[in-house]
Amino acid sequence: MEREQELAKLINVLRRTSRTAMQSEWTGNAQDAAAFCTDQYNRVLARLKELDANVSTVFEPLPVGSSLTVVAMACRQLAAYYEDECGSAKGFGRSYGFNFDPKMFKEFWDKSAREFEDLGEFIRESIDEWVNQRKGRGRPEESRAGVPQRGPSSMSVVISRLSPNHILSAAWRLPI
């Protein structure tokens, strides 16, 4: 495999390892993930040292007990070291596995902006009622049998105010 191709693949592994480490940290799955991500970083670093001896002057292998946050930072820094050579992640707006297509978003926004405005207006109109219900004011009186009378749920009120055209027109545009 030619050097540039292998560098690109190794940098991609670093970016994904960084992302995985941060997701594992946030979700609390740190047990096995920390050891795996540390080992992965160290293996990629060892291979990069074989390809480029200069990298060893700046980066060192991570110790076995490194946290997921440290692994994520080390992966991002090592990937950044090669950005001028390999370039940043492919495509506009792409970073660490996330891709944002501005043309598609503009098209979506042009078609859906009015629905978002309607939703915002509905929220502004309904927020006082919701706050009153959450704070206990405006609770319905108890019936004679001692069972509280309940009105429609907040979600059913939202759904009743949105027309089927609003829901369908927004749903068919969302990428799956």
C-alpha atoms as a PDB file:
ATOM      1  CA  MET A   1       0.000   0.000   0.000  1.00  0.00           C
ATOM      2  CA  GLU A   2       1.368   3.395  -0.821  1.00  0.00           C
ATOM      3  CA  ARG A   3       2.320   5.703   2.059  1.00  0.00           C
ATOM      4  CA  GLU A   4      -0.351   8.391   1.495  1.00  0.00           C
ATOM      5  CA  GLN A   5      -3.123   5.811   1.392  1.00  0.00           C
ATOM      6  CA  GLU A   6      -1.938   4.117   4.551  1.00  0.00           C
ATOM      7  CA  LEU A   7      -1.577   7.465   6.334  1.00  0.00           C
ATOM      8  CA  ALA A   8      -5.138   8.377   5.385  1.00  0.00           C
ATOM      9  CA  LYS A   9      -6.418   5.051   6.723  1.00  0.00           C
ATOM     10  CA  LEU A  10      -4.479   5.367   9.980  1.00  0.00           C
ATOM     11  CA  ILE A  11      -5.708   8.927  10.507  1.00  0.00           C
ATOM     12  CA  ASN A  12      -9.267   7.736   9.898  1.00  0.00           C
ATOM     13  CA  VAL A  13      -8.769   5.032  12.563  1.00  0.00           C
ATOM     14  CA  LEU A  14      -7.528   7.715  14.977  1.00  0.00           C
ATOM     15  CA  ARG A  15     -10.570   9.908  14.320  1.00  0.00           C
ATOM     16  CA  ARG A  16     -12.956   7.006  14.848  1.00  0.00           C
ATOM     17  CA  THR A  17     -11.117   5.878  17.971  1.00  0.00           C
ATOM     18  CA  SER A  18     -11.395   9.399  19.359  1.00  0.00           C
ATOM     19  CA  ARG A  19     -15.104   9.492  18.638  1.00  0.00           C
ATOM     20  CA  THR A  20     -15.651   6.048  20.159  1.00  0.00           C
ATOM     21  CA  ALA A  21     -13.689   7.008  23.266  1.00  0.00           C
ATOM     22  CA  MET A  22     -15.776  10.136  23.831  1.00  0.00           C
ATOM     23  CA  GLN A  23     -19.065   8.309  23.240  1.00  0.00           C
ATOM     24  CA  SER A  24     -18.046   5.588  25.669  1.00  0.00           C
ATOM     25  CA  GLU A  25     -17.101   8.223  28.230  1.00  0.00           C
ATOM     26  CA  TRP A  26     -20.467   9.966  27.876  1.00  0.00           C
ATOM     27  CA  THR A  27     -22.524   6.784  27.997  1.00  0.00           C
ATOM     28  CA  GLY A  28     -20.628   5.255  30.905  1.00  0.00           C
ATOM     29  CA  ASN A  29     -19.268   2.228  29.038  1.00  0.00           C
ATOM     30  CA  ALA A  30     -15.720   2.920  30.163  1.00  0.00           C
ATOM     31  CA  GLN A  31     -14.695  -0.547  31.395  1.00  0.00           C
ATOM     32  CA  ASP A  32     -13.470  -2.363  28.302  1.00  0.00           C
ATOM     33  CA  ALA A  33     -13.477   0.667  26.009  1.00  0.00           C
ATOM     34  CA  ALA A  34     -10.599   2.431  27.754  1.00  0.00           C
ATOM     35  CA  ALA A  35      -8.266  -0.536  27.385  1.00  0.00           C
ATOM     36  CA  PHE A  36      -9.270  -1.113  23.773  1.00  0.00           C
ATOM     37  CA  CYS A  37      -8.960   2.545  22.727  1.00  0.00           C
ATOM     38  CA  THR A  38      -5.584   2.903  24.466  1.00  0.00           C
ATOM     39  CA  ASP A  39      -4.305  -0.217  22.734  1.00  0.00           C
ATOM     40  CA  GLN A  40      -5.648   0.975  19.380  1.00  0.00           C
ATOM     41  CA  TYR A  41      -3.939   4.369  19.758  1.00  0.00           C
ATOM     42  CA  ASN A  42      -0.655   2.710  20.696  1.00  0.00           C
ATOM     43  CA  ARG A  43      -0.785   0.350  17.693  1.00  0.00           C
ATOM     44  CA  VAL A  44      -1.516   3.196  15.270  1.00  0.00           C
ATOM     45  CA  LEU A  45       1.285   5.255  16.816  1.00  0.00           C
ATOM     46  CA  ALA A  46       3.724   2.332  16.453  1.00  0.00           C
ATOM     47  CA  ARG A  47       2.841   2.010  12.761  1.00  0.00           C
ATOM     48  CA  LEU A  48       3.167   5.758  12.220  1.00  0.00           C
ATOM     49  CA  LYS A  49       6.614   5.629  13.839  1.00  0.00           C
ATOM     50  CA  GLU A  50       7.604   3.026  11.252  1.00  0.00           C
ATOM     51  CA  LEU A  51       6.392   5.291   8.442  1.00  0.00           C
ATOM     52  CA  ASP A  52       7.650   8.577   9.907  1.00  0.00           C
ATOM     53  CA  ALA A  53      10.435   8.598  12.499  1.00  0.00           C
ATOM     54  CA  ASN A  54       9.804  12.279  13.328  1.00  0.00           C
ATOM     55  CA  VAL A  55       6.493  11.495  14.995  1.00  0.00           C
ATOM     56  CA  SER A  56       8.320   9.814  17.904  1.00  0.00           C
ATOM     57  CA  THR A  57       9.845  13.148  18.941  1.00  0.00           C
ATOM     58  CA  VAL A  58       6.393  14.595  19.618  1.00  0.00           C
ATOM     59  CA  PHE A  59       4.140  11.654  20.588  1.00  0.00           C
ATOM     60  CA  GLU A  60       4.583   8.865  23.124  1.00  0.00           C
ATOM     61  CA  PRO A  61       2.517   5.719  23.707  1.00  0.00           C
ATOM     62  CA  LEU A  62      -0.232   6.054  26.284  1.00  0.00           C
ATOM     63  CA  PRO A  63       0.053   4.193  29.579  1.00  0.00           C
ATOM     64  CA  VAL A  64      -2.287   1.251  30.144  1.00  0.00           C
ATOM     65  CA  GLY A  65      -4.601   3.005  32.639  1.00  0.00           C
ATOM     66  CA  SER A  66      -5.329   6.083  30.498  1.00  0.00           C
ATOM     67  CA  SER A  67      -8.834   7.518  30.677  1.00  0.00           C
ATOM     68  CA  LEU A  68     -11.076   7.693  27.640  1.00  0.00           C
ATOM     69  CA  THR A  69     -10.840  11.476  27.599  1.00  0.00           C
ATOM     70  CA  VAL A  70      -7.041  11.313  27.454  1.00  0.00           C
ATOM     71  CA  VAL A  71      -7.197   8.728  24.659  1.00  0.00           C
ATOM     72  CA  ALA A  72      -9.628  10.905  22.684  1.00  0.00           C
ATOM     73  CA  MET A  73      -7.378  13.959  23.083  1.00  0.00           C
ATOM     74  CA  ALA A  74      -4.274  12.002  22.072  1.00  0.00           C
ATOM     75  CA  CYS A  75      -6.024  10.593  18.993  1.00  0.00           C
ATOM     76  CA  ARG A  76      -7.178  14.035  17.881  1.00  0.00           C
ATOM     77  CA  GLN A  77      -3.747  15.566  18.403  1.00  0.00           C
ATOM     78  CA  LEU A  78      -2.025  12.797  16.474  1.00  0.00           C
ATOM     79  CA  ALA A  79      -4.557  13.106  13.644  1.00  0.00           C
ATOM     80  CA  ALA A  80      -4.026  16.882  13.634  1.00  0.00           C
ATOM     81  CA  TYR A  81      -0.267  16.337  13.249  1.00  0.00           C
ATOM     82  CA  TYR A  82      -0.903  14.844   9.809  1.00  0.00           C
ATOM     83  CA  GLU A  83      -3.700  17.176   8.650  1.00  0.00           C
ATOM     84  CA  ASP A  84      -1.418  19.328   6.502  1.00  0.00           C
ATOM     85  CA  GLU A  85      -0.101  16.194   4.814  1.00  0.00           C
ATOM     86  CA  CYS A  86      -3.323  14.193   4.480  1.00  0.00           C
ATOM     87  CA  GLY A  87      -5.783  17.038   4.681  1.00  0.00           C
ATOM     88  CA  SER A  88      -8.650  17.297   7.083  1.00  0.00           C
ATOM     89  CA  ALA A  89     -11.520  14.853   6.965  1.00  0.00           C
ATOM     90  CA  LYS A  90     -12.995  14.386   3.502  1.00  0.00           C
ATOM     91  CA  GLY A  91     -15.764  16.660   2.328  1.00  0.00           C
ATOM     92  CA  PHE A  92     -16.979  20.035   3.469  1.00  0.00           C
ATOM     93  CA  GLY A  93     -18.312  20.107   6.997  1.00  0.00           C
ATOM     94  CA  ARG A  94     -17.064  16.654   7.898  1.00  0.00           C
ATOM     95  CA  SER A  95     -15.353  16.048  11.191  1.00  0.00           C
ATOM     96  CA  TYR A  96     -14.844  12.862  13.174  1.00  0.00           C
ATOM     97  CA  GLY A  97     -17.447  10.817  11.302  1.00  0.00           C
ATOM     98  CA  PHE A  98     -20.108  13.523  11.086  1.00  0.00           C
ATOM     99  CA  ASN A  99     -21.054  14.801   7.668  1.00  0.00           C
ATOM    100  CA  PHE A 100     -22.974  18.019   7.081  1.00  0.00           C
ATOM    101  CA  ASP A 101     -24.098  18.869   3.582  1.00  0.00           C
ATOM    102  CA  PRO A 102     -24.898  22.594   3.460  1.00  0.00           C
ATOM    103  CA  LYS A 103     -26.713  22.305   0.126  1.00  0.00           C
ATOM    104  CA  MET A 104     -29.071  19.649   1.474  1.00  0.00           C
ATOM    105  CA  PHE A 105     -29.690  21.658   4.651  1.00  0.00           C
ATOM    106  CA  LYS A 106     -30.483  24.801   2.648  1.00  0.00           C
ATOM    107  CA  GLU A 107     -32.926  22.825   0.523  1.00  0.00           C
ATOM    108  CA  PHE A 108     -34.529  21.346   3.662  1.00  0.00           C
ATOM    109  CA  TRP A 109     -34.739  24.764   5.315  1.00  0.00           C
ATOM    110  CA  ASP A 110     -36.249  26.416   2.218  1.00  0.00           C
ATOM    111  CA  LYS A 111     -39.028  23.835   2.204  1.00  0.00           C
ATOM    112  CA  SER A 112     -39.563  23.561   5.976  1.00  0.00           C
ATOM    113  CA  ALA A 113     -38.860  26.980   7.469  1.00  0.00           C
ATOM    114  CA  ARG A 114     -42.531  27.874   7.746  1.00  0.00           C
ATOM    115  CA  GLU A 115     -43.294  24.676   9.683  1.00  0.00           C
ATOM    116  CA  PHE A 116     -40.518  25.463  12.164  1.00  0.00           C
ATOM    117  CA  GLU A 117     -41.938  28.961  12.565  1.00  0.00           C
ATOM    118  CA  ASP A 118     -45.370  27.452  13.223  1.00  0.00           C
ATOM    119  CA  LEU A 119     -43.908  25.078  15.802  1.00  0.00           C
ATOM    120  CA  GLY A 120     -42.079  27.950  17.526  1.00  0.00           C
ATOM    121  CA  GLU A 121     -45.251  30.027  17.581  1.00  0.00           C
ATOM    122  CA  PHE A 122     -47.192  27.116  19.059  1.00  0.00           C
ATOM    123  CA  ILE A 123     -44.562  26.641  21.775  1.00  0.00           C
ATOM    124  CA  ARG A 124     -44.621  30.345  22.646  1.00  0.00           C
ATOM    125  CA  GLU A 125     -48.423  30.266  22.859  1.00  0.00           C
ATOM    126  CA  SER A 126     -48.522  27.109  24.989  1.00  0.00           C
ATOM    127  CA  ILE A 127     -45.603  27.633  27.371  1.00  0.00           C
ATOM    128  CA  ASP A 128     -47.622  29.486  30.035  1.00  0.00           C
ATOM    129  CA  GLU A 129     -50.238  26.739  30.143  1.00  0.00           C
ATOM    130  CA  TRP A 130     -47.527  24.094  30.428  1.00  0.00           C
ATOM    131  CA  VAL A 131     -45.700  25.960  33.223  1.00  0.00           C
ATOM    132  CA  ASN A 132     -48.917  26.342  35.167  1.00  0.00           C
ATOM    133  CA  GLN A 133     -49.641  22.628  34.881  1.00  0.00           C
ATOM    134  CA  ARG A 134     -46.108  21.695  35.943  1.00  0.00           C
ATOM    135  CA  LYS A 135     -46.180  24.000  38.979  1.00  0.00           C
ATOM    136  CA  GLY A 136     -49.549  22.653  40.081  1.00  0.00           C
ATOM    137  CA  ARG A 137     -51.558  25.747  39.350  1.00  0.00           C
ATOM    138  CA  GLY A 138     -54.481  25.175  37.134  1.00  0.00           C
ATOM    139  CA  ARG A 139     -54.871  21.540  38.186  1.00  0.00           C
ATOM    140  CA  PRO A 140     -58.398  20.332  37.699  1.00  0.00           C
ATOM    141  CA  GLU A 141     -60.519  19.985  40.811  1.00  0.00           C
ATOM    142  CA  GLU A 142     -60.971  16.531  42.225  1.00  0.00           C
ATOM    143  CA  SER A 143     -64.212  14.831  41.423  1.00  0.00           C
ATOM    144  CA  ARG A 144     -66.642  13.749  44.113  1.00  0.00           C
ATOM    145  CA  ALA A 145     -65.195  10.225  44.067  1.00  0.00           C
ATOM    146  CA  GLY A 146     -61.780  11.611  45.038  1.00  0.00           C
ATOM    147  CA  VAL A 147     -60.182  10.857  41.666  1.00  0.00           C
ATOM    148  CA  PRO A 148     -58.601  13.832  39.908  1.00  0.00           C
ATOM    149  CA  GLN A 149     -60.110  14.760  36.582  1.00  0.00           C
ATOM    150  CA  ARG A 150     -57.478  14.943  33.859  1.00  0.00           C
ATOM    151  CA  GLY A 151     -57.538  16.912  30.673  1.00  0.00           C
ATOM    152  CA  PRO A 152     -55.782  15.902  27.487  1.00  0.00           C
ATOM    153  CA  SER A 153     -52.038  15.285  27.706  1.00  0.00           C
ATOM    154  CA  SER A 154     -49.617  17.897  26.415  1.00  0.00           C
ATOM    155  CA  MET A 155     -48.603  15.637  23.527  1.00  0.00           C
ATOM    156  CA  SER A 156     -52.213  15.115  22.429  1.00  0.00           C
ATOM    157  CA  VAL A 157     -52.716  18.887  22.438  1.00  0.00           C
ATOM    158  CA  VAL A 158     -49.622  19.347  20.247  1.00  0.00           C
ATOM    159  CA  ILE A 159     -50.738  16.643  17.834  1.00  0.00           C
ATOM    160  CA  SER A 160     -54.274  18.014  17.637  1.00  0.00           C
ATOM    161  CA  ARG A 161     -52.969  21.455  16.650  1.00  0.00           C
ATOM    162  CA  LEU A 162     -50.668  20.143  13.924  1.00  0.00           C
ATOM    163  CA  SER A 163     -52.338  19.240  10.692  1.00  0.00           C
ATOM    164  CA  PRO A 164     -51.493  15.954   8.962  1.00  0.00           C
ATOM    165  CA  ASN A 165     -49.915  18.020   6.183  1.00  0.00           C
ATOM    166  CA  HIS A 166     -47.404  19.503   8.666  1.00  0.00           C
ATOM    167  CA  ILE A 167     -46.384  16.102   9.949  1.00  0.00           C
ATOM    168  CA  LEU A 168     -46.223  14.378   6.567  1.00  0.00           C
ATOM    169  CA  SER A 169     -44.460  17.205   4.775  1.00  0.00           C
ATOM    170  CA  ALA A 170     -41.732  17.289   7.429  1.00  0.00           C
ATOM    171  CA  ALA A 171     -41.390  13.509   7.630  1.00  0.00           C
ATOM    172  CA  TRP A 172     -40.877  12.786   3.925  1.00  0.00           C
ATOM    173  CA  ARG A 173     -37.956  15.224   3.697  1.00  0.00           C
ATOM    174  CA  LEU A 174     -35.939  13.738   6.544  1.00  0.00           C
ATOM    175  CA  PRO A 175     -33.060  11.498   5.420  1.00  0.00           C
ATOM    176  CA  ILE A 176     -33.277   7.973   6.745  1.00  0.00           C
END
